[in-house]
Amino acid sequence: MGATRSHAVAGKSHTKNKKKSSTKPKVKVQPYAFPSPMPYEPLHNYGPLSRKAYKNMGKKRRWFSGMLSFLMVLSYLAGIILGIFVVCGCVSGSAGLDYLHLADMHANTTSYNVSLRVGYFGGCVSFADATQVPEADSSNSSSNLQTYCISNMRDDDPEDLSKELLRNLDLAQDAQDFVQKTLNATVPQAQHLQQDVFFWEPPVLFLVLFVVSGIMLFVALMSSSPHRRYKIVLVIATILSAFSLALALVVAVGSLQGLNAVLGGAKSQEEQTLGDDIYISRAGSLDHVQAGLAAWTALFYIFMGIFYVKR
C-alpha cells in the first residue's frame, strides 16, 4: 500500500508539472495603430467664390430678420398712433384733430360759412365770414376762420351744447343769429350720429386689445417655454389678436357703411341735404386714417406670424 500511495503521489506531481508546462506564455497585445486623421472633406467642394457667396447668404438672412423686426415694431407703433387719432378725432382743435371727422354738417351762404364736424366723441364748429377778403400775406389768409371744439358731445343737452359752442366764437350780432340757427339744427343730428350710427366701442376696444395682444406676443416671442402656462398665454394672445384685427376692419368699414346709409345708401353720394339749407357730407381724412389703421394692423400680425414660424 505504501508503494501504491507513493506511486499516486508521483502521478499527481507529474500531472501538475504537465499542466504547468502546458500553459501558454502571456503575450503583450500592442494597441491598434489607427491611421492618421484625414483632413475634412465636405460633400461639396466649395471654391473661394462659392464660400463667399455662402457668407453673403448668411448676411442676407440677418438683414432680412433685422428688416422684418423693424417693420414689425413700426407697424405696431403705427397701429397705436392711428388708433389714438381715430378715437381723438374732433376732441380738440390742436394738432389737426379738428379735421379728423366722421361727418361734416354745414350751412353756406353768400355771407357766412358754418360747419359742425363730428367725431366718435367730440365735435368742432367752424365759422368763416365770406364777406372778408383774405390779405395777400399767407399768414393772414385764414384770419377770419374761427374754430372751437368740445371733447364729448354724447351726453350733454343739445341746447347747452349749442350755447357753449356759440359762446366761444367772437361774432357780430347778425352772425350770431345765423350760427345759432345752424347749431340748433345740426347739434341734435350730430348727437344722433354719435349715438346711433358711429359707435365708440369698436375703436376703443380695438386700441385696448391691440396694445395688450401686442405686448403679450412680444413677450412670448422673446422667451420660449414648454410649460403649459406659456402655451395658455400664447393662445390667449392669439385670440385677442384675432378680435383686434376684426375690430380694425369693423372700424374701417362700419363707419363707411353707416354714412352710406345716412347719405342714401350710395357710395358715390358725397352730400345730402338735411333741410333749411343745411347739408351733411362725407368724412375727409379720417376715412384714410381708418383704412391705414386696418392695413397696419394686418401687417403687424403678418410680421409677427412670420417670426413665430421662423423660430
Protein backbone atom coordinates (compact mmCIF):
# COMPACT_ATOMS: atom_id res chain seq x y z
CA MET A 1 0.00 0.00 0.00
CA GLY A 2 2.92 2.23 0.68
CA ALA A 3 4.14 1.67 -2.84
CA THR A 4 0.74 2.40 -4.24
CA ARG A 5 0.45 5.66 -2.28
CA SER A 6 3.87 6.78 -3.41
CA HIS A 7 3.00 5.93 -6.94
CA ALA A 8 -0.18 8.01 -6.74
CA VAL A 9 1.68 10.93 -5.27
CA ALA A 10 4.25 10.69 -8.01
CA GLY A 11 1.44 10.63 -10.57
CA LYS A 12 -0.13 13.81 -9.14
CA SER A 13 3.14 15.66 -9.17
CA HIS A 14 3.70 14.54 -12.71
CA THR A 15 0.27 15.82 -13.67
CA LYS A 16 0.89 19.24 -12.03
CA ASN A 17 4.16 19.56 -13.85
CA LYS A 18 2.43 18.64 -17.06
CA LYS A 19 -0.24 21.32 -16.51
CA LYS A 20 2.38 23.93 -15.74
CA SER A 21 4.30 23.12 -18.83
CA SER A 22 1.17 23.23 -20.99
CA THR A 23 0.20 26.86 -20.07
CA LYS A 24 0.91 29.39 -22.84
CA PRO A 25 3.08 32.37 -22.09
CA LYS A 26 1.24 35.74 -21.91
CA VAL A 27 1.77 37.93 -24.93
CA LYS A 28 1.50 41.70 -24.56
CA VAL A 29 -1.03 42.94 -27.12
CA GLN A 30 0.02 46.05 -28.91
CA PRO A 31 -2.74 48.69 -29.43
CA TYR A 32 -4.10 49.04 -32.90
CA ALA A 33 -2.35 51.78 -34.75
CA PHE A 34 -5.13 53.88 -36.26
CA PRO A 35 -4.30 55.74 -39.44
CA SER A 36 -3.61 59.44 -39.18
CA PRO A 37 -6.79 61.55 -39.41
CA MET A 38 -7.63 62.71 -42.88
CA PRO A 39 -8.48 66.37 -43.47
CA TYR A 40 -12.23 67.10 -43.53
CA GLU A 41 -13.66 66.98 -46.99
CA PRO A 42 -17.17 68.43 -47.40
CA LEU A 43 -19.59 66.71 -49.68
CA HIS A 44 -19.50 69.70 -51.98
CA ASN A 45 -16.11 71.14 -52.68
CA TYR A 46 -16.84 74.87 -52.47
CA GLY A 47 -14.49 77.10 -54.30
CA PRO A 48 -13.41 80.51 -53.00
CA LEU A 49 -16.27 82.27 -54.80
CA SER A 50 -18.94 79.88 -53.54
CA ARG A 51 -17.68 80.20 -49.95
CA LYS A 52 -18.00 83.96 -50.24
CA ALA A 53 -21.50 83.56 -51.62
CA TYR A 54 -22.37 81.32 -48.68
CA LYS A 55 -21.24 84.02 -46.23
CA ASN A 56 -23.23 86.61 -48.14
CA MET A 57 -26.26 84.38 -47.83
CA GLY A 58 -25.92 84.47 -44.05
CA LYS A 59 -25.61 88.25 -44.12
CA LYS A 60 -28.76 88.48 -46.23
CA ARG A 61 -30.65 86.34 -43.76
CA ARG A 62 -29.56 88.54 -40.87
CA TRP A 63 -30.51 91.64 -42.86
CA PHE A 64 -33.91 90.13 -43.61
CA SER A 65 -34.51 89.33 -39.91
CA GLY A 66 -33.46 92.83 -38.91
CA MET A 67 -35.70 94.46 -41.51
CA LEU A 68 -38.60 92.24 -40.50
CA SER A 69 -38.11 93.23 -36.86
CA PHE A 70 -38.05 96.90 -37.81
CA LEU A 71 -41.24 96.61 -39.88
CA MET A 72 -42.97 94.69 -37.09
CA VAL A 73 -42.19 97.37 -34.50
CA LEU A 74 -43.06 100.13 -36.98
CA SER A 75 -46.45 98.57 -37.78
CA TYR A 76 -47.18 98.15 -34.07
CA LEU A 77 -46.43 101.80 -33.30
CA ALA A 78 -48.33 102.93 -36.40
CA GLY A 79 -51.40 100.95 -35.32
CA ILE A 80 -51.33 102.53 -31.86
CA ILE A 81 -50.85 106.07 -33.17
CA LEU A 82 -53.57 105.75 -35.82
CA GLY A 83 -55.92 104.20 -33.27
CA ILE A 84 -55.40 107.18 -30.96
CA PHE A 85 -56.06 109.61 -33.81
CA VAL A 86 -59.28 107.79 -34.73
CA VAL A 87 -60.60 107.91 -31.16
CA CYS A 88 -59.49 111.53 -30.58
CA GLY A 89 -60.90 112.97 -33.78
CA CYS A 90 -62.58 116.36 -33.20
CA VAL A 91 -61.90 116.33 -29.44
CA SER A 92 -59.54 119.28 -29.80
CA GLY A 93 -58.63 121.98 -32.26
CA SER A 94 -54.90 121.38 -31.91
CA ALA A 95 -52.64 119.08 -33.94
CA GLY A 96 -55.16 118.98 -36.77
CA LEU A 97 -57.59 116.82 -34.76
CA ASP A 98 -60.49 119.09 -35.73
CA TYR A 99 -60.21 117.86 -39.32
CA LEU A 100 -60.39 114.17 -38.34
CA HIS A 101 -64.17 113.86 -38.52
CA LEU A 102 -66.70 111.24 -39.48
CA ALA A 103 -69.25 113.62 -40.96
CA ASP A 104 -69.46 117.33 -41.73
CA MET A 105 -72.73 119.28 -41.41
CA HIS A 106 -72.52 122.74 -42.87
CA ALA A 107 -74.56 125.72 -43.97
CA ASN A 108 -73.11 128.06 -46.58
CA THR A 109 -74.46 131.41 -47.65
CA THR A 110 -73.02 134.37 -49.51
CA SER A 111 -72.12 135.95 -46.18
CA TYR A 112 -71.19 133.17 -43.73
CA ASN A 113 -69.88 129.60 -43.76
CA VAL A 114 -70.65 127.45 -40.70
CA SER A 115 -69.74 123.78 -40.30
CA LEU A 116 -70.05 121.27 -37.47
CA ARG A 117 -67.67 118.33 -37.75
CA VAL A 118 -68.44 115.17 -35.77
CA GLY A 119 -66.07 112.54 -34.37
CA TYR A 120 -66.67 109.48 -32.21
CA PHE A 121 -66.78 111.65 -29.08
CA GLY A 122 -66.16 115.29 -29.83
CA GLY A 123 -67.31 117.90 -32.25
CA CYS A 124 -65.89 121.10 -33.73
CA VAL A 125 -67.70 124.13 -35.06
CA SER A 126 -66.04 126.46 -37.56
CA PHE A 127 -67.17 129.87 -38.68
CA ALA A 128 -65.85 131.95 -41.56
CA ASP A 129 -67.01 135.32 -42.80
CA ALA A 130 -67.25 135.04 -46.58
CA THR A 131 -67.52 138.80 -46.98
CA GLN A 132 -63.96 139.36 -45.74
CA VAL A 133 -61.37 139.06 -48.47
CA PRO A 134 -58.14 137.46 -47.17
CA GLU A 135 -55.00 139.53 -47.47
CA ALA A 136 -52.20 138.66 -49.84
CA ASP A 137 -49.99 137.61 -46.93
CA SER A 138 -50.45 133.85 -46.42
CA SER A 139 -50.10 134.20 -42.68
CA ASN A 140 -53.33 136.18 -42.58
CA SER A 141 -55.23 134.16 -45.19
CA SER A 142 -57.28 132.33 -42.55
CA SER A 143 -57.57 135.12 -40.01
CA ASN A 144 -61.38 135.21 -40.38
CA LEU A 145 -61.75 131.47 -39.56
CA GLN A 146 -62.77 130.62 -36.00
CA THR A 147 -62.90 127.09 -34.60
CA TYR A 148 -63.99 125.71 -31.25
CA CYS A 149 -64.17 122.05 -30.20
CA ILE A 150 -65.95 120.11 -27.46
CA SER A 151 -64.27 116.91 -26.31
CA ASN A 152 -67.51 114.99 -25.63
CA MET A 153 -70.92 115.71 -27.12
CA ARG A 154 -72.65 112.44 -26.36
CA ASP A 155 -74.31 113.03 -23.02
CA ASP A 156 -74.88 116.79 -22.87
CA ASP A 157 -78.13 118.57 -23.63
CA PRO A 158 -78.29 119.82 -27.26
CA GLU A 159 -79.35 123.30 -26.20
CA ASP A 160 -76.48 123.58 -23.73
CA LEU A 161 -74.03 122.40 -26.37
CA SER A 162 -75.29 125.00 -28.85
CA LYS A 163 -74.89 127.77 -26.28
CA GLU A 164 -71.37 126.65 -25.37
CA LEU A 165 -70.26 126.49 -29.00
CA LEU A 166 -71.74 129.89 -29.77
CA ARG A 167 -70.33 131.49 -26.62
CA ASN A 168 -66.76 130.64 -27.60
CA LEU A 169 -66.99 132.31 -31.02
CA ASP A 170 -66.33 136.03 -31.39
CA LEU A 171 -69.19 137.04 -33.69
CA ALA A 172 -71.22 140.05 -34.61
CA GLN A 173 -74.93 140.10 -33.77
CA ASP A 174 -76.20 139.16 -37.24
CA ALA A 175 -73.60 136.38 -37.47
CA GLN A 176 -74.65 135.06 -34.04
CA ASP A 177 -78.24 134.69 -35.20
CA PHE A 178 -77.17 132.72 -38.26
CA VAL A 179 -74.79 130.46 -36.29
CA GLN A 180 -77.40 129.88 -33.56
CA LYS A 181 -79.94 128.77 -36.15
CA THR A 182 -77.42 126.44 -37.75
CA LEU A 183 -76.33 124.90 -34.45
CA ASN A 184 -79.93 124.34 -33.34
CA ALA A 185 -80.40 122.18 -36.44
CA THR A 186 -77.04 120.41 -36.55
CA VAL A 187 -76.23 119.62 -32.90
CA PRO A 188 -79.18 117.18 -32.44
CA GLN A 189 -78.21 115.49 -35.71
CA ALA A 190 -74.63 115.22 -34.52
CA GLN A 191 -75.68 113.53 -31.30
CA HIS A 192 -77.93 111.18 -33.26
CA LEU A 193 -74.97 110.15 -35.44
CA GLN A 194 -72.71 109.57 -32.44
CA GLN A 195 -75.28 107.52 -30.50
CA ASP A 196 -76.95 105.52 -33.29
CA VAL A 197 -74.52 105.39 -36.23
CA PHE A 198 -70.90 105.86 -35.14
CA PHE A 199 -70.49 103.69 -32.05
CA TRP A 200 -67.49 104.43 -29.86
CA GLU A 201 -66.97 100.84 -28.65
CA PRO A 202 -65.19 99.37 -31.73
CA PRO A 203 -62.31 101.89 -31.93
CA VAL A 204 -61.77 101.97 -28.16
CA LEU A 205 -61.87 98.17 -27.78
CA PHE A 206 -59.56 97.80 -30.78
CA LEU A 207 -56.99 100.11 -29.22
CA VAL A 208 -57.06 98.22 -25.91
CA LEU A 209 -56.89 94.75 -27.47
CA PHE A 210 -54.21 95.76 -29.96
CA VAL A 211 -51.92 97.11 -27.24
CA VAL A 212 -52.47 94.14 -24.91
CA SER A 213 -52.12 91.46 -27.59
CA GLY A 214 -49.01 93.13 -28.99
CA ILE A 215 -47.30 93.19 -25.59
CA MET A 216 -48.20 89.54 -24.96
CA LEU A 217 -46.89 88.46 -28.37
CA PHE A 218 -43.62 90.38 -27.94
CA VAL A 219 -43.03 88.84 -24.52
CA ALA A 220 -43.86 85.35 -25.78
CA LEU A 221 -41.57 85.84 -28.78
CA MET A 222 -38.56 86.76 -26.63
CA SER A 223 -38.98 83.74 -24.34
CA SER A 224 -39.98 80.18 -25.09
CA SER A 225 -41.05 77.50 -22.63
CA PRO A 226 -42.61 74.03 -22.89
CA HIS A 227 -44.74 74.68 -19.82
CA ARG A 228 -48.49 74.73 -20.03
CA ARG A 229 -48.78 78.32 -18.80
CA TYR A 230 -46.71 79.61 -21.70
CA LYS A 231 -48.96 77.83 -24.18
CA ILE A 232 -52.08 79.20 -22.48
CA VAL A 233 -50.71 82.75 -22.65
CA LEU A 234 -49.87 82.26 -26.34
CA VAL A 235 -53.38 81.00 -27.08
CA ILE A 236 -54.94 83.97 -25.25
CA ALA A 237 -52.70 86.40 -27.19
CA THR A 238 -53.75 84.77 -30.46
CA ILE A 239 -57.44 85.08 -29.61
CA LEU A 240 -57.04 88.75 -28.63
CA SER A 241 -55.14 89.37 -31.87
CA ALA A 242 -57.98 87.89 -33.91
CA PHE A 243 -60.53 90.11 -32.16
CA SER A 244 -58.28 93.14 -32.59
CA LEU A 245 -57.91 92.58 -36.33
CA ALA A 246 -61.66 92.06 -36.69
CA LEU A 247 -62.37 95.30 -34.83
CA ALA A 248 -59.92 97.20 -37.05
CA LEU A 249 -61.90 96.04 -40.09
CA VAL A 250 -65.17 96.98 -38.37
CA VAL A 251 -63.85 100.48 -37.65
CA ALA A 252 -62.70 100.96 -41.24
CA VAL A 253 -65.80 99.54 -42.91
CA GLY A 254 -68.52 100.17 -40.31
CA SER A 255 -68.33 103.97 -40.32
CA LEU A 256 -68.27 103.98 -44.11
CA GLN A 257 -71.39 101.82 -44.32
CA GLY A 258 -73.16 103.88 -41.66
CA LEU A 259 -72.52 107.11 -43.53
CA ASN A 260 -73.64 105.47 -46.79
CA ALA A 261 -76.98 104.76 -45.13
CA VAL A 262 -77.25 108.37 -43.92
CA LEU A 263 -76.47 109.73 -47.38
CA GLY A 264 -78.99 107.50 -49.16
CA GLY A 265 -77.17 104.17 -49.48
CA ALA A 266 -74.90 105.05 -52.41
CA LYS A 267 -71.14 105.19 -52.05
CA SER A 268 -70.92 107.77 -54.82
CA GLN A 269 -73.22 110.13 -52.92
CA GLU A 270 -71.00 112.76 -51.34
CA GLU A 271 -73.60 115.09 -49.86
CA GLN A 272 -77.17 115.01 -48.61
CA THR A 273 -79.47 117.81 -47.56
CA LEU A 274 -80.90 117.94 -44.04
CA GLY A 275 -83.30 120.79 -44.80
CA ASP A 276 -83.11 124.54 -44.18
CA ASP A 277 -80.05 124.83 -46.48
CA ILE A 278 -78.03 122.51 -44.20
CA TYR A 279 -76.06 119.66 -45.77
CA ILE A 280 -74.17 116.64 -44.47
CA SER A 281 -71.11 115.40 -46.32
CA ARG A 282 -68.63 112.56 -46.02
CA ALA A 283 -65.55 112.48 -43.84
CA GLY A 284 -62.32 113.59 -45.35
CA SER A 285 -59.04 112.43 -43.89
CA LEU A 286 -60.49 110.17 -41.17
CA ASP A 287 -61.57 107.61 -43.77
CA HIS A 288 -57.97 107.30 -44.93
CA VAL A 289 -56.74 107.09 -41.33
CA GLN A 290 -59.14 104.24 -40.59
CA ALA A 291 -58.13 102.40 -43.76
CA GLY A 292 -54.48 102.82 -42.80
CA LEU A 293 -55.31 101.55 -39.32
CA ALA A 294 -56.71 98.30 -40.71
CA ALA A 295 -53.76 97.89 -43.11
CA TRP A 296 -51.04 98.44 -40.47
CA THR A 297 -52.83 96.14 -38.03
CA ALA A 298 -52.94 93.33 -40.57
CA LEU A 299 -49.27 93.86 -41.45
CA PHE A 300 -48.26 93.72 -37.79
CA TYR A 301 -49.90 90.35 -37.23
CA ILE A 302 -48.47 89.03 -40.51
CA PHE A 303 -44.92 90.03 -39.50
CA MET A 304 -45.45 88.56 -36.04
CA GLY A 305 -46.67 85.29 -37.56
CA ILE A 306 -43.59 85.08 -39.78
CA PHE A 307 -41.35 85.45 -36.73
CA TYR A 308 -43.15 82.66 -34.89
CA VAL A 309 -42.89 80.36 -37.93
CA LYS A 310 -39.15 81.04 -38.27
CA ARG A 311 -38.47 80.46 -34.57
